[in-house]
Amino acid sequence: METWILLALLAPLFYALSNVVDKFLLNNRVRYCFAMAPIAGFFALLFGLGALFFVSFEGITTTQMLIVFLLGIGISTVYVLYYYVMSVEEASRVVSIAFLSPVFVLIFAAFFLGERLPGWKYLAVLLVIGGAVLIGMQGIQRGILMRKGFYWRLLTCLINAGIVITQKYMLGDLQFLQLFSIQCFGLFFGLSLTLLSPKIRAHFKHVAKSTHYVFLSEGLTFTGALILLAAMSRGPVSITSALASVQPVYMLIFAILLSIFLPNILKEEFTRKTLAIKIVAVLMITVGAYLVAA
């Protein structure tokens, strides 16, 4: 098996572990979810500075640096929305809905790049959408009632799809460590802007007491991001994205095991009905996302 395939399968494992830590923090340690943003930005700065020791920026244009910096700011928006949705929804649902992103990548590629795909891929799109709607449903009362965070998570998928396409385009000229480092500085800048909010500043000291957990979460996230960028730089972005779609499976396994054995860390609703719905939805999303990106 080629190295980039193993990397593409490993990256979502780190992301899923980070999701577990974030949900634990938001349930047990953090009073105001957005107050996590500036601390995450601080760790983004540390990772960006650390990458400087392994990379040279010779030959990179100002325009390229600005584009990648703006990518980092875009990612900061995804972070902030993610913290909110994770604070009001179950982790396994949040992670699963995120895999609408490959669908939006497909649509953007068709619209902006003029790519034409086989008809069966559009059936795969419907599979992903169906799974996302299933796991995002609160119930059916005079129509479909969606869960509280569904539409916000949908917005993060749109933003993330644009970021992924731009990242792959920039990797045609840049090394992945160059992109990673500059992107971290943009992420730091974007997340630091949240300190302009008086409420976030008021809760900042409280969140700072859990800095070690935030460091663990961000360490897992940035490790996953670095591994995924390495995979993207070595293999096709479509297949890399497809393999990364196993993250909902990892997250569902973690959610089930932790809810049974360590409910103080992560507790989700697992009646027979909800478990069956989650398994079906996760399989629909995972298989559909793989087929969309393959």
Protein backbone atom coordinates (compact mmCIF):
# COMPACT_ATOMS: atom_id res chain seq x y z
CA MET A 1 0.00 0.00 0.00
CA GLU A 2 1.33 3.44 -0.94
CA THR A 3 2.38 5.80 1.88
CA TRP A 4 -0.03 8.59 0.94
CA ILE A 5 -2.98 6.17 1.29
CA LEU A 6 -1.94 5.28 4.84
CA LEU A 7 -1.52 8.98 5.63
CA ALA A 8 -4.98 9.76 4.24
CA LEU A 9 -6.51 7.08 6.50
CA LEU A 10 -4.49 8.20 9.54
CA ALA A 11 -5.35 11.92 9.38
CA PRO A 12 -9.09 11.52 10.15
CA LEU A 13 -8.24 9.37 13.18
CA PHE A 14 -6.44 12.37 14.71
CA TYR A 15 -9.36 14.63 13.79
CA ALA A 16 -11.83 12.27 15.48
CA LEU A 17 -9.72 12.15 18.66
CA SER A 18 -9.63 15.95 18.64
CA ASN A 19 -13.44 16.02 18.33
CA VAL A 20 -13.68 13.87 21.47
CA VAL A 21 -11.46 16.26 23.45
CA ASP A 22 -13.38 19.31 22.19
CA LYS A 23 -16.74 17.82 23.18
CA PHE A 24 -15.38 16.96 26.64
CA LEU A 25 -14.16 20.55 27.06
CA LEU A 26 -17.40 22.13 25.87
CA ASN A 27 -19.52 19.87 28.09
CA ASN A 28 -17.43 19.98 31.26
CA ARG A 29 -14.87 22.78 31.29
CA VAL A 30 -15.94 25.72 29.12
CA ARG A 31 -18.80 28.06 30.02
CA TYR A 32 -18.82 30.00 26.74
CA CYS A 33 -17.90 28.03 23.63
CA PHE A 34 -16.44 30.94 21.65
CA ALA A 35 -13.89 31.62 24.38
CA MET A 36 -11.92 28.61 23.12
CA ALA A 37 -11.10 30.46 19.90
CA PRO A 38 -8.27 32.77 21.09
CA ILE A 39 -6.45 29.93 22.88
CA ALA A 40 -6.73 27.78 19.75
CA GLY A 41 -5.29 30.74 17.85
CA PHE A 42 -2.31 30.87 20.21
CA PHE A 43 -1.52 27.23 19.52
CA ALA A 44 -1.93 27.84 15.78
CA LEU A 45 0.79 30.49 16.14
CA LEU A 46 3.06 28.02 17.96
CA PHE A 47 2.62 25.38 15.27
CA GLY A 48 3.23 27.96 12.55
CA LEU A 49 6.43 29.14 14.22
CA GLY A 50 7.55 25.53 14.72
CA ALA A 51 7.14 24.81 11.01
CA LEU A 52 9.48 27.72 10.21
CA PHE A 53 12.44 25.64 11.36
CA PHE A 54 11.81 23.09 8.60
CA VAL A 55 10.90 25.26 5.63
CA SER A 56 12.30 28.02 3.43
CA PHE A 57 10.13 30.71 1.87
CA GLU A 58 12.53 31.52 -0.92
CA GLY A 59 10.71 31.94 -4.23
CA ILE A 60 7.24 32.44 -2.73
CA THR A 61 5.49 35.55 -4.06
CA THR A 62 3.66 38.10 -1.94
CA THR A 63 0.41 37.17 -3.67
CA GLN A 64 0.84 33.49 -2.79
CA MET A 65 1.56 34.35 0.85
CA LEU A 66 -1.51 36.60 0.99
CA ILE A 67 -3.79 33.94 -0.49
CA VAL A 68 -2.61 31.29 1.99
CA PHE A 69 -2.86 33.78 4.87
CA LEU A 70 -6.48 34.48 3.88
CA LEU A 71 -7.05 30.71 3.81
CA GLY A 72 -6.03 30.66 7.46
CA ILE A 73 -8.54 33.40 8.25
CA GLY A 74 -11.20 31.37 6.43
CA ILE A 75 -10.34 28.37 8.57
CA SER A 76 -10.75 30.53 11.69
CA THR A 77 -14.38 31.09 10.66
CA VAL A 78 -14.84 27.32 10.43
CA TYR A 79 -13.32 26.96 13.92
CA VAL A 80 -15.70 29.46 15.51
CA LEU A 81 -18.79 27.91 13.93
CA TYR A 82 -17.52 24.43 14.83
CA TYR A 83 -17.20 25.37 18.53
CA TYR A 84 -20.79 26.58 18.56
CA VAL A 85 -22.25 23.53 16.82
CA MET A 86 -20.20 21.12 18.96
CA SER A 87 -21.55 22.84 22.09
CA VAL A 88 -25.19 22.23 21.13
CA GLU A 89 -25.04 18.91 19.25
CA GLU A 90 -23.73 15.38 19.75
CA ALA A 91 -20.18 14.95 18.49
CA SER A 92 -20.97 12.03 16.18
CA ARG A 93 -23.66 14.09 14.42
CA VAL A 94 -21.40 17.14 14.05
CA VAL A 95 -18.61 15.08 12.48
CA SER A 96 -20.95 13.21 10.14
CA ILE A 97 -22.68 16.31 8.74
CA ALA A 98 -19.26 17.79 8.01
CA PHE A 99 -18.86 15.28 5.21
CA LEU A 100 -21.22 17.24 3.03
CA SER A 101 -18.01 19.09 2.12
CA PRO A 102 -17.03 16.63 -0.67
CA VAL A 103 -20.45 17.26 -2.22
CA PHE A 104 -19.80 21.00 -2.30
CA VAL A 105 -16.29 20.38 -3.66
CA LEU A 106 -17.89 18.42 -6.49
CA ILE A 107 -20.40 21.19 -7.20
CA PHE A 108 -17.77 23.93 -7.08
CA ALA A 109 -15.48 21.97 -9.39
CA ALA A 110 -18.30 21.52 -11.90
CA PHE A 111 -19.36 25.16 -11.72
CA PHE A 112 -15.98 26.94 -11.61
CA LEU A 113 -13.70 24.44 -13.35
CA GLY A 114 -16.15 23.00 -15.85
CA GLU A 115 -15.58 19.43 -14.68
CA ARG A 116 -18.10 16.89 -15.93
CA LEU A 117 -18.63 13.70 -13.97
CA PRO A 118 -20.36 10.35 -14.60
CA GLY A 119 -24.03 10.22 -13.69
CA TRP A 120 -23.48 7.68 -10.91
CA LYS A 121 -21.45 10.26 -8.98
CA TYR A 122 -24.53 12.39 -8.65
CA LEU A 123 -26.30 9.38 -7.13
CA ALA A 124 -23.43 9.29 -4.61
CA VAL A 125 -24.14 12.97 -3.89
CA LEU A 126 -27.75 12.10 -3.10
CA LEU A 127 -26.51 9.32 -0.79
CA VAL A 128 -24.39 11.79 1.21
CA ILE A 129 -27.16 14.37 1.37
CA GLY A 130 -29.65 11.71 2.48
CA GLY A 131 -27.32 10.53 5.25
CA ALA A 132 -26.64 14.09 6.42
CA VAL A 133 -30.35 14.92 6.52
CA LEU A 134 -31.07 11.66 8.38
CA ILE A 135 -28.49 12.31 11.08
CA GLY A 136 -29.41 15.99 11.28
CA MET A 137 -33.13 15.38 11.82
CA GLN A 138 -34.74 16.19 15.14
CA GLY A 139 -38.03 14.62 14.11
CA ILE A 140 -40.99 14.91 11.77
CA GLN A 141 -43.69 17.26 12.98
CA ARG A 142 -45.74 18.75 10.13
CA GLY A 143 -42.66 18.34 7.98
CA ILE A 144 -39.01 17.58 8.62
CA LEU A 145 -37.63 19.32 11.72
CA MET A 146 -33.84 19.68 11.63
CA ARG A 147 -31.61 19.75 14.69
CA LYS A 148 -30.40 23.07 16.08
CA GLY A 149 -26.86 23.09 14.68
CA PHE A 150 -27.55 21.51 11.28
CA TYR A 151 -27.65 24.68 9.19
CA TRP A 152 -24.59 26.21 10.86
CA ARG A 153 -22.66 23.03 10.18
CA LEU A 154 -23.89 23.20 6.59
CA LEU A 155 -22.33 26.66 6.33
CA THR A 156 -18.97 25.36 7.59
CA CYS A 157 -19.10 22.67 4.89
CA LEU A 158 -19.51 25.33 2.20
CA ILE A 159 -16.59 27.35 3.54
CA ASN A 160 -14.41 24.28 3.97
CA ALA A 161 -15.06 23.11 0.40
CA GLY A 162 -13.75 26.41 -0.94
CA ILE A 163 -10.70 26.14 1.31
CA VAL A 164 -9.88 22.58 0.15
CA ILE A 165 -10.03 23.53 -3.54
CA THR A 166 -7.81 26.56 -2.93
CA GLN A 167 -5.34 24.50 -0.88
CA LYS A 168 -4.91 21.96 -3.66
CA TYR A 169 -4.42 24.75 -6.20
CA MET A 170 -1.74 26.39 -4.02
CA LEU A 171 0.04 23.06 -3.46
CA GLY A 172 0.83 23.10 -7.18
CA ASP A 173 3.41 25.81 -6.42
CA LEU A 174 4.12 25.49 -2.70
CA GLN A 175 5.47 22.79 -0.42
CA PHE A 176 2.89 21.56 2.09
CA LEU A 177 4.97 22.82 5.05
CA GLN A 178 5.11 26.29 3.46
CA LEU A 179 1.34 26.31 3.10
CA PHE A 180 0.86 24.91 6.60
CA SER A 181 3.04 27.54 8.27
CA ILE A 182 1.55 30.59 6.54
CA GLN A 183 -1.95 29.20 7.01
CA CYS A 184 -1.30 28.89 10.76
CA PHE A 185 -0.42 32.59 10.97
CA GLY A 186 -3.68 33.48 9.19
CA LEU A 187 -5.58 31.19 11.56
CA PHE A 188 -3.93 32.87 14.56
CA PHE A 189 -4.89 36.31 13.24
CA GLY A 190 -8.49 35.32 12.56
CA LEU A 191 -9.03 33.63 15.92
CA SER A 192 -7.34 36.49 17.79
CA LEU A 193 -9.95 38.88 16.42
CA THR A 194 -12.50 37.16 18.68
CA LEU A 195 -10.86 38.94 21.63
CA LEU A 196 -12.58 42.11 20.40
CA SER A 197 -15.72 40.66 22.00
CA PRO A 198 -16.08 41.73 25.68
CA LYS A 199 -17.91 38.48 26.52
CA ILE A 200 -15.09 36.35 25.11
CA ARG A 201 -12.52 38.38 27.03
CA ALA A 202 -14.57 37.91 30.21
CA HIS A 203 -14.55 34.11 29.81
CA PHE A 204 -10.98 33.87 28.52
CA LYS A 205 -9.35 33.41 31.94
CA HIS A 206 -11.75 30.59 32.80
CA VAL A 207 -10.92 28.73 29.59
CA ALA A 208 -7.21 29.34 30.19
CA LYS A 209 -7.44 26.99 33.18
CA SER A 210 -8.05 24.17 30.69
CA THR A 211 -5.17 25.14 28.41
CA HIS A 212 -3.67 21.64 28.57
CA TYR A 213 -6.85 20.16 27.09
CA VAL A 214 -6.94 22.81 24.37
CA PHE A 215 -3.30 22.06 23.62
CA LEU A 216 -4.11 18.35 23.31
CA SER A 217 -7.05 19.08 21.00
CA GLU A 218 -5.12 21.49 18.81
CA GLY A 219 -2.11 19.17 18.76
CA LEU A 220 -4.31 16.38 17.42
CA THR A 221 -6.00 18.72 14.92
CA PHE A 222 -2.77 20.16 13.55
CA THR A 223 -1.15 16.75 13.41
CA GLY A 224 -4.11 15.54 11.37
CA ALA A 225 -3.96 18.61 9.14
CA LEU A 226 -0.23 18.15 8.56
CA ILE A 227 -0.67 14.46 7.73
CA LEU A 228 -3.55 15.25 5.36
CA LEU A 229 -1.55 17.96 3.57
CA ALA A 230 1.32 15.48 3.21
CA ALA A 231 -1.09 12.95 1.69
CA MET A 232 -2.55 15.60 -0.66
CA SER A 233 0.93 16.59 -1.82
CA ARG A 234 1.77 12.96 -2.73
CA GLY A 235 -1.53 11.66 -4.08
CA PRO A 236 -4.67 12.82 -5.93
CA VAL A 237 -6.76 15.23 -3.85
CA SER A 238 -9.96 13.45 -4.87
CA ILE A 239 -8.88 10.04 -3.54
CA THR A 240 -7.23 11.62 -0.51
CA SER A 241 -10.50 13.35 0.38
CA ALA A 242 -12.39 10.12 -0.23
CA LEU A 243 -10.22 8.12 2.16
CA ALA A 244 -10.53 10.87 4.78
CA SER A 245 -14.29 10.27 4.75
CA VAL A 246 -13.80 7.44 7.26
CA GLN A 247 -13.74 10.05 10.06
CA PRO A 248 -17.48 9.64 10.89
CA VAL A 249 -16.87 5.91 11.33
CA TYR A 250 -14.00 6.57 13.75
CA MET A 251 -16.12 9.12 15.61
CA LEU A 252 -19.14 6.82 15.91
CA ILE A 253 -16.95 4.02 17.30
CA PHE A 254 -15.42 6.40 19.86
CA ALA A 255 -18.87 7.74 20.79
CA ILE A 256 -20.28 4.26 21.38
CA LEU A 257 -17.31 3.00 23.41
CA LEU A 258 -16.94 6.15 25.52
CA SER A 259 -20.70 6.44 26.17
CA ILE A 260 -20.63 2.88 27.55
CA PHE A 261 -17.33 2.80 29.43
CA LEU A 262 -16.38 6.46 30.09
CA PRO A 263 -19.60 8.51 29.99
CA ASN A 264 -17.95 11.33 31.99
CA ILE A 265 -15.80 12.01 28.90
CA LEU A 266 -18.42 11.62 26.19
CA LYS A 267 -22.07 10.69 26.55
CA GLU A 268 -24.47 10.39 23.63
CA GLU A 269 -28.00 9.09 23.23
CA PHE A 270 -27.87 5.46 22.11
CA THR A 271 -31.26 3.83 22.20
CA ARG A 272 -31.81 1.05 19.67
CA LYS A 273 -33.60 3.49 17.40
CA THR A 274 -30.99 6.28 17.56
CA LEU A 275 -28.11 3.82 17.22
CA ALA A 276 -29.68 2.27 14.12
CA ILE A 277 -30.28 5.74 12.62
CA LYS A 278 -26.72 6.84 13.32
CA ILE A 279 -25.17 3.69 11.88
CA VAL A 280 -27.26 3.89 8.70
CA ALA A 281 -26.60 7.63 8.32
CA VAL A 282 -22.84 7.31 8.93
CA LEU A 283 -22.57 4.47 6.41
CA MET A 284 -24.55 6.49 3.84
CA ILE A 285 -22.32 9.53 4.35
CA THR A 286 -19.04 7.57 4.40
CA VAL A 287 -19.81 5.47 1.32
CA GLY A 288 -21.31 8.44 -0.51
CA ALA A 289 -18.37 10.73 0.30
CA TYR A 290 -15.94 8.06 -0.83
CA LEU A 291 -17.77 7.58 -4.14
CA VAL A 292 -18.07 11.35 -4.68
CA ALA A 293 -14.34 11.90 -4.24
CA ALA A 294 -13.01 8.62 -5.69
